[in-house]
């Protein structure tokens, strides 16, 4: 994956290029110390909170899955950065959300684009979003995009294919994967292959309660909350030769 790099001459028109970085001019730099994250996925929210707190030095970060609650919280803060899951925008095709469309708003709005909605990126930028970031970017690119916003740039980063999700911290997962037991690994491989619990039980000749216990242990160890996340994580571990 190519790292995001700022070109010498910034583009002055709002456009997008799927599969690569794009930088466009902005009127002024932002120096936010507070942020509000509005997203459905708990893992995504928690990962962004960790990045903002520990890597970017934000002093006040709030997370919610409720857009109305986020809007209310934004009113009580001085120039917060507002990161919104595109799936929660009132009108996905033409997002005339008051959070993006209101005149004179001091909060910088960052749209976290779902893979099914990335085609609307240029519209969100034209309507005043400070940035549009594909939810499938990895942590390095996400941090780079937030740094660009602080410098006064307006990044629009969309992907043509999925990469390691923001919530999956490679170093942490790699360390924890080394402590997986053989049966934990067997179960994760079968989850990655799409097996349900009864199928895993039959394949490994284990009682269903035992299978559930291995799944619960693996989820706790790797910080996972559902089978979809487990399958993504297991596929990545397999690609790295760690499972």
C-alpha atoms as a PDB file:
ATOM      1  CA  UNK A   1       0.000   0.000   0.000  1.00  0.00           C
ATOM      2  CA  UNK A   2       1.340   3.391  -0.916  1.00  0.00           C
ATOM      3  CA  UNK A   3       1.757   5.820   1.941  1.00  0.00           C
ATOM      4  CA  UNK A   4      -0.116   9.088   1.739  1.00  0.00           C
ATOM      5  CA  UNK A   5       2.155  11.908   0.708  1.00  0.00           C
ATOM      6  CA  UNK A   6       1.261  15.535   0.120  1.00  0.00           C
ATOM      7  CA  UNK A   7       1.984  16.692  -3.426  1.00  0.00           C
ATOM      8  CA  UNK A   8       4.007  19.873  -3.862  1.00  0.00           C
ATOM      9  CA  UNK A   9       1.082  21.712  -5.457  1.00  0.00           C
ATOM     10  CA  UNK A  10      -2.302  21.169  -3.848  1.00  0.00           C
ATOM     11  CA  UNK A  11      -5.290  20.615  -6.106  1.00  0.00           C
ATOM     12  CA  UNK A  12      -7.793  23.432  -6.022  1.00  0.00           C
ATOM     13  CA  UNK A  13     -10.875  21.594  -7.224  1.00  0.00           C
ATOM     14  CA  UNK A  14     -12.893  19.020  -5.322  1.00  0.00           C
ATOM     15  CA  UNK A  15     -12.637  15.641  -6.988  1.00  0.00           C
ATOM     16  CA  UNK A  16     -11.785  12.112  -6.009  1.00  0.00           C
ATOM     17  CA  UNK A  17      -9.557   9.338  -7.254  1.00  0.00           C
ATOM     18  CA  UNK A  18     -10.542   5.886  -6.057  1.00  0.00           C
ATOM     19  CA  UNK A  19      -7.575   3.787  -5.054  1.00  0.00           C
ATOM     20  CA  UNK A  20      -5.196   6.642  -4.286  1.00  0.00           C
ATOM     21  CA  UNK A  21      -4.786   9.735  -2.148  1.00  0.00           C
ATOM     22  CA  UNK A  22      -6.168  13.106  -3.087  1.00  0.00           C
ATOM     23  CA  UNK A  23      -5.473  16.449  -1.443  1.00  0.00           C
ATOM     24  CA  UNK A  24      -7.488  19.618  -1.982  1.00  0.00           C
ATOM     25  CA  UNK A  25      -7.130  23.159  -0.717  1.00  0.00           C
ATOM     26  CA  UNK A  26      -8.775  24.329   2.474  1.00  0.00           C
ATOM     27  CA  UNK A  27      -9.407  27.807   3.805  1.00  0.00           C
ATOM     28  CA  UNK A  28      -7.747  27.460   7.187  1.00  0.00           C
ATOM     29  CA  UNK A  29      -5.989  24.998   9.425  1.00  0.00           C
ATOM     30  CA  UNK A  30      -7.757  23.402  12.373  1.00  0.00           C
ATOM     31  CA  UNK A  31      -6.297  22.876  15.828  1.00  0.00           C
ATOM     32  CA  UNK A  32      -9.003  20.812  17.505  1.00  0.00           C
ATOM     33  CA  UNK A  33      -8.416  19.359  20.960  1.00  0.00           C
ATOM     34  CA  UNK A  34     -11.819  17.698  21.212  1.00  0.00           C
ATOM     35  CA  UNK A  35     -13.571  15.228  18.941  1.00  0.00           C
ATOM     36  CA  UNK A  36     -16.883  13.404  18.688  1.00  0.00           C
ATOM     37  CA  UNK A  37     -17.091  10.056  16.915  1.00  0.00           C
ATOM     38  CA  UNK A  38     -20.448   8.920  15.584  1.00  0.00           C
ATOM     39  CA  UNK A  39     -20.432   5.362  14.197  1.00  0.00           C
ATOM     40  CA  UNK A  40     -22.406   2.167  14.476  1.00  0.00           C
ATOM     41  CA  UNK A  41     -19.486  -0.213  14.940  1.00  0.00           C
ATOM     42  CA  UNK A  42     -18.177  -0.325  18.506  1.00  0.00           C
ATOM     43  CA  UNK A  43     -14.764  -1.545  17.355  1.00  0.00           C
ATOM     44  CA  UNK A  44     -14.417   1.369  14.947  1.00  0.00           C
ATOM     45  CA  UNK A  45     -15.368   3.931  17.598  1.00  0.00           C
ATOM     46  CA  UNK A  46     -12.991   2.474  20.181  1.00  0.00           C
ATOM     47  CA  UNK A  47     -10.109   2.319  17.710  1.00  0.00           C
ATOM     48  CA  UNK A  48     -10.571   5.961  16.696  1.00  0.00           C
ATOM     49  CA  UNK A  49     -10.780   7.018  20.361  1.00  0.00           C
ATOM     50  CA  UNK A  50      -7.465   5.269  21.004  1.00  0.00           C
ATOM     51  CA  UNK A  51      -5.834   6.890  17.957  1.00  0.00           C
ATOM     52  CA  UNK A  52      -7.070  10.387  18.831  1.00  0.00           C
ATOM     53  CA  UNK A  53      -6.090  10.093  22.494  1.00  0.00           C
ATOM     54  CA  UNK A  54      -2.752   8.341  22.276  1.00  0.00           C
ATOM     55  CA  UNK A  55      -1.374   9.160  18.831  1.00  0.00           C
ATOM     56  CA  UNK A  56      -2.791  12.595  18.103  1.00  0.00           C
ATOM     57  CA  UNK A  57      -3.049  14.046  21.601  1.00  0.00           C
ATOM     58  CA  UNK A  58      -6.750  14.940  21.695  1.00  0.00           C
ATOM     59  CA  UNK A  59      -7.735  15.889  25.246  1.00  0.00           C
ATOM     60  CA  UNK A  60     -11.487  15.311  24.986  1.00  0.00           C
ATOM     61  CA  UNK A  61     -12.949  12.509  22.852  1.00  0.00           C
ATOM     62  CA  UNK A  62     -16.547  11.300  22.994  1.00  0.00           C
ATOM     63  CA  UNK A  63     -18.101   8.387  21.135  1.00  0.00           C
ATOM     64  CA  UNK A  64     -21.722   7.596  20.317  1.00  0.00           C
ATOM     65  CA  UNK A  65     -23.894   5.739  17.809  1.00  0.00           C
ATOM     66  CA  UNK A  66     -26.561   8.471  17.949  1.00  0.00           C
ATOM     67  CA  UNK A  67     -26.287  11.304  15.415  1.00  0.00           C
ATOM     68  CA  UNK A  68     -28.657  13.585  17.343  1.00  0.00           C
ATOM     69  CA  UNK A  69     -26.639  13.098  20.534  1.00  0.00           C
ATOM     70  CA  UNK A  70     -23.463  13.931  18.619  1.00  0.00           C
ATOM     71  CA  UNK A  71     -24.960  17.135  17.266  1.00  0.00           C
ATOM     72  CA  UNK A  72     -25.995  18.194  20.764  1.00  0.00           C
ATOM     73  CA  UNK A  73     -22.529  17.399  22.134  1.00  0.00           C
ATOM     74  CA  UNK A  74     -20.906  19.405  19.317  1.00  0.00           C
ATOM     75  CA  UNK A  75     -22.816  22.519  20.397  1.00  0.00           C
ATOM     76  CA  UNK A  76     -21.283  22.347  23.867  1.00  0.00           C
ATOM     77  CA  UNK A  77     -17.672  22.192  22.680  1.00  0.00           C
ATOM     78  CA  UNK A  78     -15.335  24.752  21.163  1.00  0.00           C
ATOM     79  CA  UNK A  79     -14.536  23.857  17.537  1.00  0.00           C
ATOM     80  CA  UNK A  80     -14.675  20.067  17.876  1.00  0.00           C
ATOM     81  CA  UNK A  81     -13.721  17.646  15.123  1.00  0.00           C
ATOM     82  CA  UNK A  82     -16.791  15.592  14.237  1.00  0.00           C
ATOM     83  CA  UNK A  83     -16.235  12.161  12.660  1.00  0.00           C
ATOM     84  CA  UNK A  84     -19.470  10.732  11.216  1.00  0.00           C
ATOM     85  CA  UNK A  85     -20.189   7.283   9.808  1.00  0.00           C
ATOM     86  CA  UNK A  86     -21.722   7.864   6.368  1.00  0.00           C
ATOM     87  CA  UNK A  87     -24.337   5.179   7.118  1.00  0.00           C
ATOM     88  CA  UNK A  88     -25.801   7.491   9.780  1.00  0.00           C
ATOM     89  CA  UNK A  89     -26.219  10.541   7.554  1.00  0.00           C
ATOM     90  CA  UNK A  90     -29.922  11.463   7.155  1.00  0.00           C
ATOM     91  CA  UNK A  91     -29.735  11.450   3.354  1.00  0.00           C
ATOM     92  CA  UNK A  92     -26.898   9.285   2.079  1.00  0.00           C
ATOM     93  CA  UNK A  93     -27.082  10.338  -1.565  1.00  0.00           C
ATOM     94  CA  UNK A  94     -27.331  14.059  -0.882  1.00  0.00           C
ATOM     95  CA  UNK A  95     -26.260  14.482   2.740  1.00  0.00           C
ATOM     96  CA  UNK A  96     -27.721  17.892   3.609  1.00  0.00           C
ATOM     97  CA  UNK A  97     -27.129  17.140   7.270  1.00  0.00           C
ATOM     98  CA  UNK A  98     -27.153  20.178   9.522  1.00  0.00           C
ATOM     99  CA  UNK A  99     -23.809  18.930  10.791  1.00  0.00           C
ATOM    100  CA  UNK A 100     -22.295  19.437   7.332  1.00  0.00           C
ATOM    101  CA  UNK A 101     -24.559  21.958   5.657  1.00  0.00           C
ATOM    102  CA  UNK A 102     -25.108  24.653   8.252  1.00  0.00           C
ATOM    103  CA  UNK A 103     -23.408  27.966   7.474  1.00  0.00           C
ATOM    104  CA  UNK A 104     -20.786  29.257   9.842  1.00  0.00           C
ATOM    105  CA  UNK A 105     -20.330  25.989  11.695  1.00  0.00           C
ATOM    106  CA  UNK A 106     -16.983  25.920  13.463  1.00  0.00           C
ATOM    107  CA  UNK A 107     -16.740  22.153  13.855  1.00  0.00           C
ATOM    108  CA  UNK A 108     -14.781  20.320  11.183  1.00  0.00           C
ATOM    109  CA  UNK A 109     -16.804  17.420   9.808  1.00  0.00           C
ATOM    110  CA  UNK A 110     -15.045  14.246   8.677  1.00  0.00           C
ATOM    111  CA  UNK A 111     -17.214  11.687   6.859  1.00  0.00           C
ATOM    112  CA  UNK A 112     -16.160   8.071   7.450  1.00  0.00           C
ATOM    113  CA  UNK A 113     -17.242   6.533   4.155  1.00  0.00           C
ATOM    114  CA  UNK A 114     -18.801   3.092   4.083  1.00  0.00           C
ATOM    115  CA  UNK A 115     -17.637   0.943   1.139  1.00  0.00           C
ATOM    116  CA  UNK A 116     -21.141   1.031  -0.374  1.00  0.00           C
ATOM    117  CA  UNK A 117     -21.265   4.850  -0.232  1.00  0.00           C
ATOM    118  CA  UNK A 118     -17.765   5.974  -1.281  1.00  0.00           C
ATOM    119  CA  UNK A 119     -19.127   7.170  -4.632  1.00  0.00           C
ATOM    120  CA  UNK A 120     -20.745  10.079  -2.795  1.00  0.00           C
ATOM    121  CA  UNK A 121     -17.375  11.350  -1.541  1.00  0.00           C
ATOM    122  CA  UNK A 122     -17.192  14.310  -3.954  1.00  0.00           C
ATOM    123  CA  UNK A 123     -20.720  15.386  -2.978  1.00  0.00           C
ATOM    124  CA  UNK A 124     -19.827  15.388   0.712  1.00  0.00           C
ATOM    125  CA  UNK A 125     -16.689  17.411   0.012  1.00  0.00           C
ATOM    126  CA  UNK A 126     -18.657  19.907  -2.100  1.00  0.00           C
ATOM    127  CA  UNK A 127     -21.183  20.308   0.701  1.00  0.00           C
ATOM    128  CA  UNK A 128     -18.523  21.368   3.182  1.00  0.00           C
ATOM    129  CA  UNK A 129     -17.117  18.211   4.755  1.00  0.00           C
ATOM    130  CA  UNK A 130     -13.588  18.827   5.982  1.00  0.00           C
ATOM    131  CA  UNK A 131     -12.543  15.392   4.800  1.00  0.00           C
ATOM    132  CA  UNK A 132     -13.842  12.057   3.537  1.00  0.00           C
ATOM    133  CA  UNK A 133     -11.996   8.961   4.708  1.00  0.00           C
ATOM    134  CA  UNK A 134     -12.797   5.412   3.633  1.00  0.00           C
ATOM    135  CA  UNK A 135     -13.502   3.281   6.713  1.00  0.00           C
ATOM    136  CA  UNK A 136     -11.286   0.564   5.217  1.00  0.00           C
ATOM    137  CA  UNK A 137      -8.043   2.551   5.395  1.00  0.00           C
ATOM    138  CA  UNK A 138      -5.395   1.289   7.782  1.00  0.00           C
ATOM    139  CA  UNK A 139      -4.207   3.111  10.906  1.00  0.00           C
ATOM    140  CA  UNK A 140      -1.189   4.702   9.261  1.00  0.00           C
ATOM    141  CA  UNK A 141      -3.273   6.332   6.548  1.00  0.00           C
ATOM    142  CA  UNK A 142      -5.973   7.333   9.008  1.00  0.00           C
ATOM    143  CA  UNK A 143      -3.442   9.127  11.221  1.00  0.00           C
ATOM    144  CA  UNK A 144      -1.914  10.770   8.133  1.00  0.00           C
ATOM    145  CA  UNK A 145      -5.327  12.033   7.023  1.00  0.00           C
ATOM    146  CA  UNK A 146      -6.085  13.513  10.451  1.00  0.00           C
ATOM    147  CA  UNK A 147      -2.682  15.193  10.455  1.00  0.00           C
ATOM    148  CA  UNK A 148      -3.463  16.679   7.039  1.00  0.00           C
ATOM    149  CA  UNK A 149      -6.717  18.119   8.379  1.00  0.00           C
ATOM    150  CA  UNK A 150      -4.829  19.832  11.175  1.00  0.00           C
ATOM    151  CA  UNK A 151      -2.490  21.389   8.601  1.00  0.00           C
ATOM    152  CA  UNK A 152      -5.449  22.884   6.772  1.00  0.00           C
ATOM    153  CA  UNK A 153      -5.711  20.326   3.981  1.00  0.00           C
ATOM    154  CA  UNK A 154      -8.898  18.542   2.941  1.00  0.00           C
ATOM    155  CA  UNK A 155      -8.052  14.896   2.267  1.00  0.00           C
ATOM    156  CA  UNK A 156     -10.453  12.673   0.363  1.00  0.00           C
ATOM    157  CA  UNK A 157      -9.119   9.125   0.715  1.00  0.00           C
ATOM    158  CA  UNK A 158     -11.151   6.362  -0.937  1.00  0.00           C
ATOM    159  CA  UNK A 159     -10.090   2.798  -1.665  1.00  0.00           C
ATOM    160  CA  UNK A 160     -10.830   0.464  -4.520  1.00  0.00           C
ATOM    161  CA  UNK A 161     -10.194  -2.568  -2.317  1.00  0.00           C
ATOM    162  CA  UNK A 162     -10.203  -3.358   1.374  1.00  0.00           C
ATOM    163  CA  UNK A 163      -7.082  -3.172   3.496  1.00  0.00           C
ATOM    164  CA  UNK A 164      -6.480  -3.933   7.144  1.00  0.00           C
ATOM    165  CA  UNK A 165      -9.327  -2.226   9.066  1.00  0.00           C
ATOM    166  CA  UNK A 166      -8.656   0.726  11.375  1.00  0.00           C
ATOM    167  CA  UNK A 167      -9.739  -1.274  14.412  1.00  0.00           C
ATOM    168  CA  UNK A 168      -7.234  -4.049  13.797  1.00  0.00           C
ATOM    169  CA  UNK A 169      -3.906  -3.045  15.347  1.00  0.00           C
ATOM    170  CA  UNK A 170      -1.382  -5.318  13.572  1.00  0.00           C
ATOM    171  CA  UNK A 171       1.309  -5.273  16.271  1.00  0.00           C
ATOM    172  CA  UNK A 172      -1.132  -6.025  19.083  1.00  0.00           C
ATOM    173  CA  UNK A 173      -2.887  -8.785  17.137  1.00  0.00           C
ATOM    174  CA  UNK A 174       0.451 -10.320  16.162  1.00  0.00           C
ATOM    175  CA  UNK A 175       1.658 -10.400  19.768  1.00  0.00           C
ATOM    176  CA  UNK A 176      -1.570 -11.895  21.049  1.00  0.00           C
ATOM    177  CA  UNK A 177      -1.792 -14.433  18.226  1.00  0.00           C
ATOM    178  CA  UNK A 178       1.464 -15.953  19.453  1.00  0.00           C
ATOM    179  CA  UNK A 179      -0.320 -16.981  22.665  1.00  0.00           C
ATOM    180  CA  UNK A 180      -3.167 -18.813  20.892  1.00  0.00           C
ATOM    181  CA  UNK A 181      -3.432 -22.499  21.683  1.00  0.00           C
ATOM    182  CA  UNK A 182      -3.564 -25.021  18.858  1.00  0.00           C
ATOM    183  CA  UNK A 183      -7.309 -25.553  19.276  1.00  0.00           C
ATOM    184  CA  UNK A 184      -7.906 -21.780  19.350  1.00  0.00           C
ATOM    185  CA  UNK A 185      -6.136 -21.555  15.998  1.00  0.00           C
ATOM    186  CA  UNK A 186      -8.095 -24.492  14.584  1.00  0.00           C
ATOM    187  CA  UNK A 187     -11.384 -22.858  15.522  1.00  0.00           C
ATOM    188  CA  UNK A 188     -10.363 -19.472  14.075  1.00  0.00           C
ATOM    189  CA  UNK A 189      -9.349 -21.079  10.779  1.00  0.00           C
ATOM    190  CA  UNK A 190     -12.774 -22.682  10.493  1.00  0.00           C
ATOM    191  CA  UNK A 191     -14.512 -19.403  11.369  1.00  0.00           C
ATOM    192  CA  UNK A 192     -12.503 -17.777   8.576  1.00  0.00           C
ATOM    193  CA  UNK A 193     -13.756 -20.524   6.254  1.00  0.00           C
ATOM    194  CA  UNK A 194     -17.360 -19.691   7.170  1.00  0.00           C
ATOM    195  CA  UNK A 195     -18.078 -22.656   9.458  1.00  0.00           C
ATOM    196  CA  UNK A 196     -20.852 -22.332  12.045  1.00  0.00           C
ATOM    197  CA  UNK A 197     -20.478 -23.704  15.579  1.00  0.00           C
ATOM    198  CA  UNK A 198     -22.107 -27.068  14.871  1.00  0.00           C
ATOM    199  CA  UNK A 199     -19.941 -27.541  11.782  1.00  0.00           C
ATOM    200  CA  UNK A 200     -16.830 -26.728  13.809  1.00  0.00           C
ATOM    201  CA  UNK A 201     -17.988 -29.195  16.433  1.00  0.00           C
ATOM    202  CA  UNK A 202     -18.374 -31.924  13.824  1.00  0.00           C
ATOM    203  CA  UNK A 203     -15.088 -31.096  12.063  1.00  0.00           C
ATOM    204  CA  UNK A 204     -12.975 -31.059  15.233  1.00  0.00           C
ATOM    205  CA  UNK A 205     -14.990 -33.697  17.082  1.00  0.00           C
ATOM    206  CA  UNK A 206     -15.626 -31.374  19.997  1.00  0.00           C
ATOM    207  CA  UNK A 207     -18.768 -30.868  22.050  1.00  0.00           C
ATOM    208  CA  UNK A 208     -20.663 -27.648  21.132  1.00  0.00           C
ATOM    209  CA  UNK A 209     -20.086 -26.092  24.594  1.00  0.00           C
ATOM    210  CA  UNK A 210     -16.357 -26.698  24.160  1.00  0.00           C
ATOM    211  CA  UNK A 211     -16.416 -24.976  20.777  1.00  0.00           C
ATOM    212  CA  UNK A 212     -18.181 -21.982  22.346  1.00  0.00           C
ATOM    213  CA  UNK A 213     -15.529 -21.860  25.066  1.00  0.00           C
ATOM    214  CA  UNK A 214     -12.690 -21.797  22.488  1.00  0.00           C
ATOM    215  CA  UNK A 215     -14.457 -19.050  20.520  1.00  0.00           C
ATOM    216  CA  UNK A 216     -15.003 -16.965  23.665  1.00  0.00           C
ATOM    217  CA  UNK A 217     -11.349 -17.373  24.654  1.00  0.00           C
ATOM    218  CA  UNK A 218     -10.100 -16.385  21.184  1.00  0.00           C
ATOM    219  CA  UNK A 219     -12.412 -13.366  21.021  1.00  0.00           C
ATOM    220  CA  UNK A 220     -11.259 -12.156  24.443  1.00  0.00           C
ATOM    221  CA  UNK A 221      -7.602 -12.678  23.616  1.00  0.00           C
ATOM    222  CA  UNK A 222      -7.730 -10.846  20.281  1.00  0.00           C
ATOM    223  CA  UNK A 223     -10.212  -8.166  21.342  1.00  0.00           C
ATOM    224  CA  UNK A 224     -12.970  -9.317  18.977  1.00  0.00           C
ATOM    225  CA  UNK A 225     -16.722  -8.917  19.457  1.00  0.00           C
ATOM    226  CA  UNK A 226     -18.350 -10.839  16.600  1.00  0.00           C
ATOM    227  CA  UNK A 227     -17.749 -13.514  13.958  1.00  0.00           C
ATOM    228  CA  UNK A 228     -17.322 -11.028  11.123  1.00  0.00           C
ATOM    229  CA  UNK A 229     -14.473  -9.341  12.965  1.00  0.00           C
ATOM    230  CA  UNK A 230     -13.051 -12.767  13.830  1.00  0.00           C
ATOM    231  CA  UNK A 231     -13.125 -13.857  10.175  1.00  0.00           C
ATOM    232  CA  UNK A 232     -11.347 -10.660   9.040  1.00  0.00           C
ATOM    233  CA  UNK A 233      -8.752 -11.048  11.771  1.00  0.00           C
ATOM    234  CA  UNK A 234      -8.239 -14.761  11.049  1.00  0.00           C
ATOM    235  CA  UNK A 235      -7.774 -14.131   7.309  1.00  0.00           C
ATOM    236  CA  UNK A 236      -5.135 -11.496   8.083  1.00  0.00           C
ATOM    237  CA  UNK A 237      -3.334 -13.830  10.503  1.00  0.00           C
ATOM    238  CA  UNK A 238      -3.388 -16.569   7.855  1.00  0.00           C
ATOM    239  CA  UNK A 239      -1.929 -14.175   5.276  1.00  0.00           C
ATOM    240  CA  UNK A 240       0.861 -13.325   7.727  1.00  0.00           C
ATOM    241  CA  UNK A 241       1.555 -17.001   8.457  1.00  0.00           C
ATOM    242  CA  UNK A 242       0.569 -16.536  12.110  1.00  0.00           C
ATOM    243  CA  UNK A 243      -2.380 -18.919  12.195  1.00  0.00           C
END
